[in-house]
Amino acid sequence: MTLKFKPSILNLYALLFLAACIGFTIYNYTQLSAGEGWGIVGMIGLFGFGILLLVIDLVIRNIFKNKMTANLIGLLVAVLATVLLFSKGLCS
């Protein structure tokens, strides 16, 4: 039995997002954990958002068997996630 991994746009976006969250947390750990440590809590929330993107990708892949349709919907979700992060959504 072989496991075939074919990355989609949303999958790559979510993995890049999670890697950036981990890298930012490691690089700025002293600043994030200063005071009561709410910066670390915020990063855990963003990490959860990345996991949610992976779950959404899994659902999209199971609903839409056509790869082009799944990738287009994944791209739309990735753009909406970016707008949510950089507008007055999760980063405010």
C-alpha atoms as a PDB file:
ATOM      1  CA  MET A   1       0.000   0.000   0.000  1.00  0.00           C
ATOM      2  CA  THR A   2       1.472   3.313  -1.059  1.00  0.00           C
ATOM      3  CA  LEU A   3       0.375   6.674   0.235  1.00  0.00           C
ATOM      4  CA  LYS A   4       0.157   9.252  -2.524  1.00  0.00           C
ATOM      5  CA  PHE A   5       0.460  12.853  -1.433  1.00  0.00           C
ATOM      6  CA  LYS A   6      -0.575  15.372  -4.040  1.00  0.00           C
ATOM      7  CA  PRO A   7      -0.409  18.858  -2.575  1.00  0.00           C
ATOM      8  CA  SER A   8      -3.121  21.337  -3.358  1.00  0.00           C
ATOM      9  CA  ILE A   9      -2.955  25.114  -3.252  1.00  0.00           C
ATOM     10  CA  LEU A  10      -4.691  25.326   0.127  1.00  0.00           C
ATOM     11  CA  ASN A  11      -2.573  22.517   1.538  1.00  0.00           C
ATOM     12  CA  LEU A  12       0.658  24.281   0.574  1.00  0.00           C
ATOM     13  CA  TYR A  13      -0.699  27.585   1.883  1.00  0.00           C
ATOM     14  CA  ALA A  14      -1.621  26.027   5.231  1.00  0.00           C
ATOM     15  CA  LEU A  15       1.757  24.293   5.589  1.00  0.00           C
ATOM     16  CA  LEU A  16       3.587  27.535   4.769  1.00  0.00           C
ATOM     17  CA  PHE A  17       1.380  29.382   7.268  1.00  0.00           C
ATOM     18  CA  LEU A  18       2.129  26.822   9.996  1.00  0.00           C
ATOM     19  CA  ALA A  19       5.860  26.924   9.253  1.00  0.00           C
ATOM     20  CA  ALA A  20       5.798  30.723   9.464  1.00  0.00           C
ATOM     21  CA  CYS A  21       3.930  30.575  12.793  1.00  0.00           C
ATOM     22  CA  ILE A  22       6.451  28.135  14.240  1.00  0.00           C
ATOM     23  CA  GLY A  23       9.412  30.132  12.930  1.00  0.00           C
ATOM     24  CA  PHE A  24       8.018  33.428  14.224  1.00  0.00           C
ATOM     25  CA  THR A  25       7.296  31.888  17.627  1.00  0.00           C
ATOM     26  CA  ILE A  26      10.810  30.450  17.936  1.00  0.00           C
ATOM     27  CA  TYR A  27      12.469  33.660  16.730  1.00  0.00           C
ATOM     28  CA  ASN A  28      10.415  35.991  18.984  1.00  0.00           C
ATOM     29  CA  TYR A  29       9.825  33.675  21.945  1.00  0.00           C
ATOM     30  CA  THR A  30      11.222  36.053  24.590  1.00  0.00           C
ATOM     31  CA  GLN A  31       9.076  38.920  23.358  1.00  0.00           C
ATOM     32  CA  LEU A  32       5.956  36.751  23.011  1.00  0.00           C
ATOM     33  CA  SER A  33       6.319  35.226  26.470  1.00  0.00           C
ATOM     34  CA  ALA A  34       6.984  38.558  28.212  1.00  0.00           C
ATOM     35  CA  GLY A  35       4.456  39.668  30.801  1.00  0.00           C
ATOM     36  CA  GLU A  36       1.711  37.127  31.168  1.00  0.00           C
ATOM     37  CA  GLY A  37       2.533  35.251  27.953  1.00  0.00           C
ATOM     38  CA  TRP A  38      -0.487  36.314  25.909  1.00  0.00           C
ATOM     39  CA  GLY A  39       1.686  36.442  22.794  1.00  0.00           C
ATOM     40  CA  ILE A  40       2.211  32.689  23.025  1.00  0.00           C
ATOM     41  CA  VAL A  41      -1.536  32.208  23.451  1.00  0.00           C
ATOM     42  CA  GLY A  42      -2.104  34.293  20.321  1.00  0.00           C
ATOM     43  CA  MET A  43       0.387  32.192  18.387  1.00  0.00           C
ATOM     44  CA  ILE A  44      -1.366  29.013  19.538  1.00  0.00           C
ATOM     45  CA  GLY A  45      -4.593  30.529  18.185  1.00  0.00           C
ATOM     46  CA  LEU A  46      -2.931  31.238  14.840  1.00  0.00           C
ATOM     47  CA  PHE A  47      -1.529  27.696  14.820  1.00  0.00           C
ATOM     48  CA  GLY A  48      -5.091  26.438  15.340  1.00  0.00           C
ATOM     49  CA  PHE A  49      -6.173  28.576  12.380  1.00  0.00           C
ATOM     50  CA  GLY A  50      -3.545  26.802  10.250  1.00  0.00           C
ATOM     51  CA  ILE A  51      -4.827  23.410  11.389  1.00  0.00           C
ATOM     52  CA  LEU A  52      -8.350  24.558  10.482  1.00  0.00           C
ATOM     53  CA  LEU A  53      -7.108  25.371   6.971  1.00  0.00           C
ATOM     54  CA  LEU A  54      -5.732  21.833   6.654  1.00  0.00           C
ATOM     55  CA  VAL A  55      -9.085  20.398   7.763  1.00  0.00           C
ATOM     56  CA  ILE A  56     -10.920  22.608   5.257  1.00  0.00           C
ATOM     57  CA  ASP A  57      -8.550  21.356   2.551  1.00  0.00           C
ATOM     58  CA  LEU A  58      -9.301  17.757   3.514  1.00  0.00           C
ATOM     59  CA  VAL A  59     -13.051  18.414   3.332  1.00  0.00           C
ATOM     60  CA  ILE A  60     -12.741  20.172  -0.037  1.00  0.00           C
ATOM     61  CA  ARG A  61     -10.706  17.270  -1.443  1.00  0.00           C
ATOM     62  CA  ASN A  62     -13.302  14.754  -0.287  1.00  0.00           C
ATOM     63  CA  ILE A  63     -16.263  16.716  -1.636  1.00  0.00           C
ATOM     64  CA  PHE A  64     -14.795  17.698  -5.020  1.00  0.00           C
ATOM     65  CA  LYS A  65     -13.059  14.859  -6.853  1.00  0.00           C
ATOM     66  CA  ASN A  66     -12.108  17.139  -9.761  1.00  0.00           C
ATOM     67  CA  LYS A  67      -8.644  18.479  -8.890  1.00  0.00           C
ATOM     68  CA  MET A  68      -9.102  21.740 -10.804  1.00  0.00           C
ATOM     69  CA  THR A  69     -12.310  22.572  -8.945  1.00  0.00           C
ATOM     70  CA  ALA A  70     -10.789  21.631  -5.589  1.00  0.00           C
ATOM     71  CA  ASN A  71      -7.735  23.789  -6.276  1.00  0.00           C
ATOM     72  CA  LEU A  72      -9.838  26.776  -7.356  1.00  0.00           C
ATOM     73  CA  ILE A  73     -11.971  26.551  -4.232  1.00  0.00           C
ATOM     74  CA  GLY A  74      -8.808  26.089  -2.153  1.00  0.00           C
ATOM     75  CA  LEU A  75      -7.319  29.200  -3.766  1.00  0.00           C
ATOM     76  CA  LEU A  76     -10.469  31.132  -2.897  1.00  0.00           C
ATOM     77  CA  VAL A  77     -10.253  29.937   0.724  1.00  0.00           C
ATOM     78  CA  ALA A  78      -6.542  30.876   0.852  1.00  0.00           C
ATOM     79  CA  VAL A  79      -7.271  34.384  -0.451  1.00  0.00           C
ATOM     80  CA  LEU A  80     -10.125  34.796   2.045  1.00  0.00           C
ATOM     81  CA  ALA A  81      -7.854  33.578   4.873  1.00  0.00           C
ATOM     82  CA  THR A  82      -5.202  36.109   3.874  1.00  0.00           C
ATOM     83  CA  VAL A  83      -7.743  38.933   3.766  1.00  0.00           C
ATOM     84  CA  LEU A  84      -9.077  37.841   7.156  1.00  0.00           C
ATOM     85  CA  LEU A  85      -5.578  37.837   8.659  1.00  0.00           C
ATOM     86  CA  PHE A  86      -4.469  41.187   7.294  1.00  0.00           C
ATOM     87  CA  SER A  87      -7.726  43.101   7.627  1.00  0.00           C
ATOM     88  CA  LYS A  88      -9.375  43.695  10.964  1.00  0.00           C
ATOM     89  CA  GLY A  89      -9.729  39.968  11.520  1.00  0.00           C
ATOM     90  CA  LEU A  90      -7.303  37.830  13.465  1.00  0.00           C
ATOM     91  CA  CYS A  91      -4.414  40.342  13.561  1.00  0.00           C
ATOM     92  CA  SER A  92      -6.239  43.265  15.147  1.00  0.00           C
END
